[in-house]
Amino acid sequence: MILSSLKLCEDTTFSCVIADYHSMGSDGAQFLVTFNEKYPECQAILVSEEASMDGVILALDLAHLSAFITKPWSDFELYASAA
């Protein structure tokens, strides 16, 4: 999933990327770290129902998260984080 998502970004420009900590069996925090290495100017938001503190700290430190939002979120929360 990480590779296919990064491949999509070769043809498209994004200003914000949102990843679920547990997205289809992948690690959303690791995806954001990899994404940030290739596209550091893109804003990164991690969402999760439950996430390990180590995963969140990794993402904050290495992926330079703009926000961490817990599920369920309100539309305002997501909008305010992406704005």
C-alpha atoms as a PDB file:
ATOM      1  CA  MET A   1       0.000   0.000   0.000  1.00  0.00           C
ATOM      2  CA  ILE A   2       2.814   2.422   0.827  1.00  0.00           C
ATOM      3  CA  LEU A   3       4.450   1.937  -2.566  1.00  0.00           C
ATOM      4  CA  SER A   4       1.202   2.328  -4.509  1.00  0.00           C
ATOM      5  CA  SER A   5       0.362   5.496  -2.573  1.00  0.00           C
ATOM      6  CA  LEU A   6       3.794   6.962  -3.250  1.00  0.00           C
ATOM      7  CA  LYS A   7       3.498   6.009  -6.921  1.00  0.00           C
ATOM      8  CA  LEU A   8       0.250   7.990  -7.124  1.00  0.00           C
ATOM      9  CA  CYS A   9       2.118  11.049  -5.878  1.00  0.00           C
ATOM     10  CA  GLU A  10       4.521  10.991  -8.799  1.00  0.00           C
ATOM     11  CA  ASP A  11       1.764  12.341 -11.064  1.00  0.00           C
ATOM     12  CA  THR A  12      -0.238  14.388  -8.575  1.00  0.00           C
ATOM     13  CA  THR A  13       0.641  17.198  -6.188  1.00  0.00           C
ATOM     14  CA  PHE A  14      -0.841  17.178  -2.697  1.00  0.00           C
ATOM     15  CA  SER A  15      -0.806  19.846  -0.018  1.00  0.00           C
ATOM     16  CA  CYS A  16      -2.081  17.532   2.731  1.00  0.00           C
ATOM     17  CA  VAL A  17      -1.944  13.787   3.332  1.00  0.00           C
ATOM     18  CA  ILE A  18      -4.060  11.976   5.929  1.00  0.00           C
ATOM     19  CA  ALA A  19      -3.248   8.459   7.090  1.00  0.00           C
ATOM     20  CA  ASP A  20      -4.966   6.099   9.495  1.00  0.00           C
ATOM     21  CA  TYR A  21      -2.590   4.554  12.019  1.00  0.00           C
ATOM     22  CA  HIS A  22      -4.054   1.104  11.215  1.00  0.00           C
ATOM     23  CA  SER A  23      -4.880   1.395   7.533  1.00  0.00           C
ATOM     24  CA  MET A  24      -5.609  -1.925   5.833  1.00  0.00           C
ATOM     25  CA  GLY A  25      -3.000  -3.694   7.931  1.00  0.00           C
ATOM     26  CA  SER A  26      -0.335  -1.065   7.258  1.00  0.00           C
ATOM     27  CA  ASP A  27       1.344   1.304   9.655  1.00  0.00           C
ATOM     28  CA  GLY A  28       0.056   4.792   8.857  1.00  0.00           C
ATOM     29  CA  ALA A  29       2.809   6.418  10.904  1.00  0.00           C
ATOM     30  CA  GLN A  30       5.488   4.657   8.852  1.00  0.00           C
ATOM     31  CA  PHE A  31       3.688   5.671   5.655  1.00  0.00           C
ATOM     32  CA  LEU A  32       3.804   9.328   6.744  1.00  0.00           C
ATOM     33  CA  VAL A  33       7.517   9.041   7.570  1.00  0.00           C
ATOM     34  CA  THR A  34       8.202   7.642   4.089  1.00  0.00           C
ATOM     35  CA  PHE A  35       5.907  10.206   2.482  1.00  0.00           C
ATOM     36  CA  ASN A  36       7.617  13.069   4.334  1.00  0.00           C
ATOM     37  CA  GLU A  37      11.035  11.951   3.092  1.00  0.00           C
ATOM     38  CA  LYS A  38       9.855  12.370  -0.508  1.00  0.00           C
ATOM     39  CA  TYR A  39       7.461  15.319  -0.029  1.00  0.00           C
ATOM     40  CA  PRO A  40       8.545  17.341   3.034  1.00  0.00           C
ATOM     41  CA  GLU A  41       6.426  20.355   2.043  1.00  0.00           C
ATOM     42  CA  CYS A  42       3.194  18.357   2.358  1.00  0.00           C
ATOM     43  CA  GLN A  43       1.178  18.676   5.560  1.00  0.00           C
ATOM     44  CA  ALA A  44       0.722  15.306   7.364  1.00  0.00           C
ATOM     45  CA  ILE A  45      -2.195  14.290   9.593  1.00  0.00           C
ATOM     46  CA  LEU A  46      -2.401  10.971  11.436  1.00  0.00           C
ATOM     47  CA  VAL A  47      -5.787   9.654  12.613  1.00  0.00           C
ATOM     48  CA  SER A  48      -6.343   6.689  14.890  1.00  0.00           C
ATOM     49  CA  GLU A  49      -8.826   5.008  17.135  1.00  0.00           C
ATOM     50  CA  GLU A  50      -5.950   3.713  19.168  1.00  0.00           C
ATOM     51  CA  ALA A  51      -2.267   4.150  18.524  1.00  0.00           C
ATOM     52  CA  SER A  52       0.807   3.219  20.459  1.00  0.00           C
ATOM     53  CA  MET A  53       2.602   6.149  22.018  1.00  0.00           C
ATOM     54  CA  ASP A  54       5.808   4.982  20.301  1.00  0.00           C
ATOM     55  CA  GLY A  55       4.096   5.155  16.903  1.00  0.00           C
ATOM     56  CA  VAL A  56       2.755   8.640  17.529  1.00  0.00           C
ATOM     57  CA  ILE A  57       6.126   9.870  18.804  1.00  0.00           C
ATOM     58  CA  LEU A  58       7.843   8.357  15.746  1.00  0.00           C
ATOM     59  CA  ALA A  59       5.398  10.094  13.444  1.00  0.00           C
ATOM     60  CA  LEU A  60       5.693  13.420  15.275  1.00  0.00           C
ATOM     61  CA  ASP A  61       9.462  13.273  15.158  1.00  0.00           C
ATOM     62  CA  LEU A  62      10.145  11.775  11.738  1.00  0.00           C
ATOM     63  CA  ALA A  63       7.050  12.628   9.690  1.00  0.00           C
ATOM     64  CA  HIS A  64       6.673  16.121  11.145  1.00  0.00           C
ATOM     65  CA  LEU A  65       2.954  15.659  11.791  1.00  0.00           C
ATOM     66  CA  SER A  66       0.753  18.708  11.544  1.00  0.00           C
ATOM     67  CA  ALA A  67      -1.871  17.000  13.697  1.00  0.00           C
ATOM     68  CA  PHE A  68      -2.866  13.789  15.429  1.00  0.00           C
ATOM     69  CA  ILE A  69      -6.627  13.282  15.565  1.00  0.00           C
ATOM     70  CA  THR A  70      -8.417  10.549  17.478  1.00  0.00           C
ATOM     71  CA  LYS A  71     -11.364   8.663  16.010  1.00  0.00           C
ATOM     72  CA  PRO A  72     -14.151   9.435  15.787  1.00  0.00           C
ATOM     73  CA  TRP A  73     -13.359  12.980  14.757  1.00  0.00           C
ATOM     74  CA  SER A  74     -15.599  15.888  13.960  1.00  0.00           C
ATOM     75  CA  ASP A  75     -15.484  17.510  10.545  1.00  0.00           C
ATOM     76  CA  PHE A  76     -14.387  20.734  12.228  1.00  0.00           C
ATOM     77  CA  GLU A  77     -11.410  18.979  13.850  1.00  0.00           C
ATOM     78  CA  LEU A  78     -10.203  17.621  10.542  1.00  0.00           C
ATOM     79  CA  TYR A  79     -10.844  20.879   8.692  1.00  0.00           C
ATOM     80  CA  ALA A  80      -9.075  22.961  11.349  1.00  0.00           C
ATOM     81  CA  SER A  81      -6.046  20.653  11.238  1.00  0.00           C
ATOM     82  CA  ALA A  82      -5.808  20.781   7.452  1.00  0.00           C
ATOM     83  CA  ALA A  83      -6.376  24.518   7.113  1.00  0.00           C
END
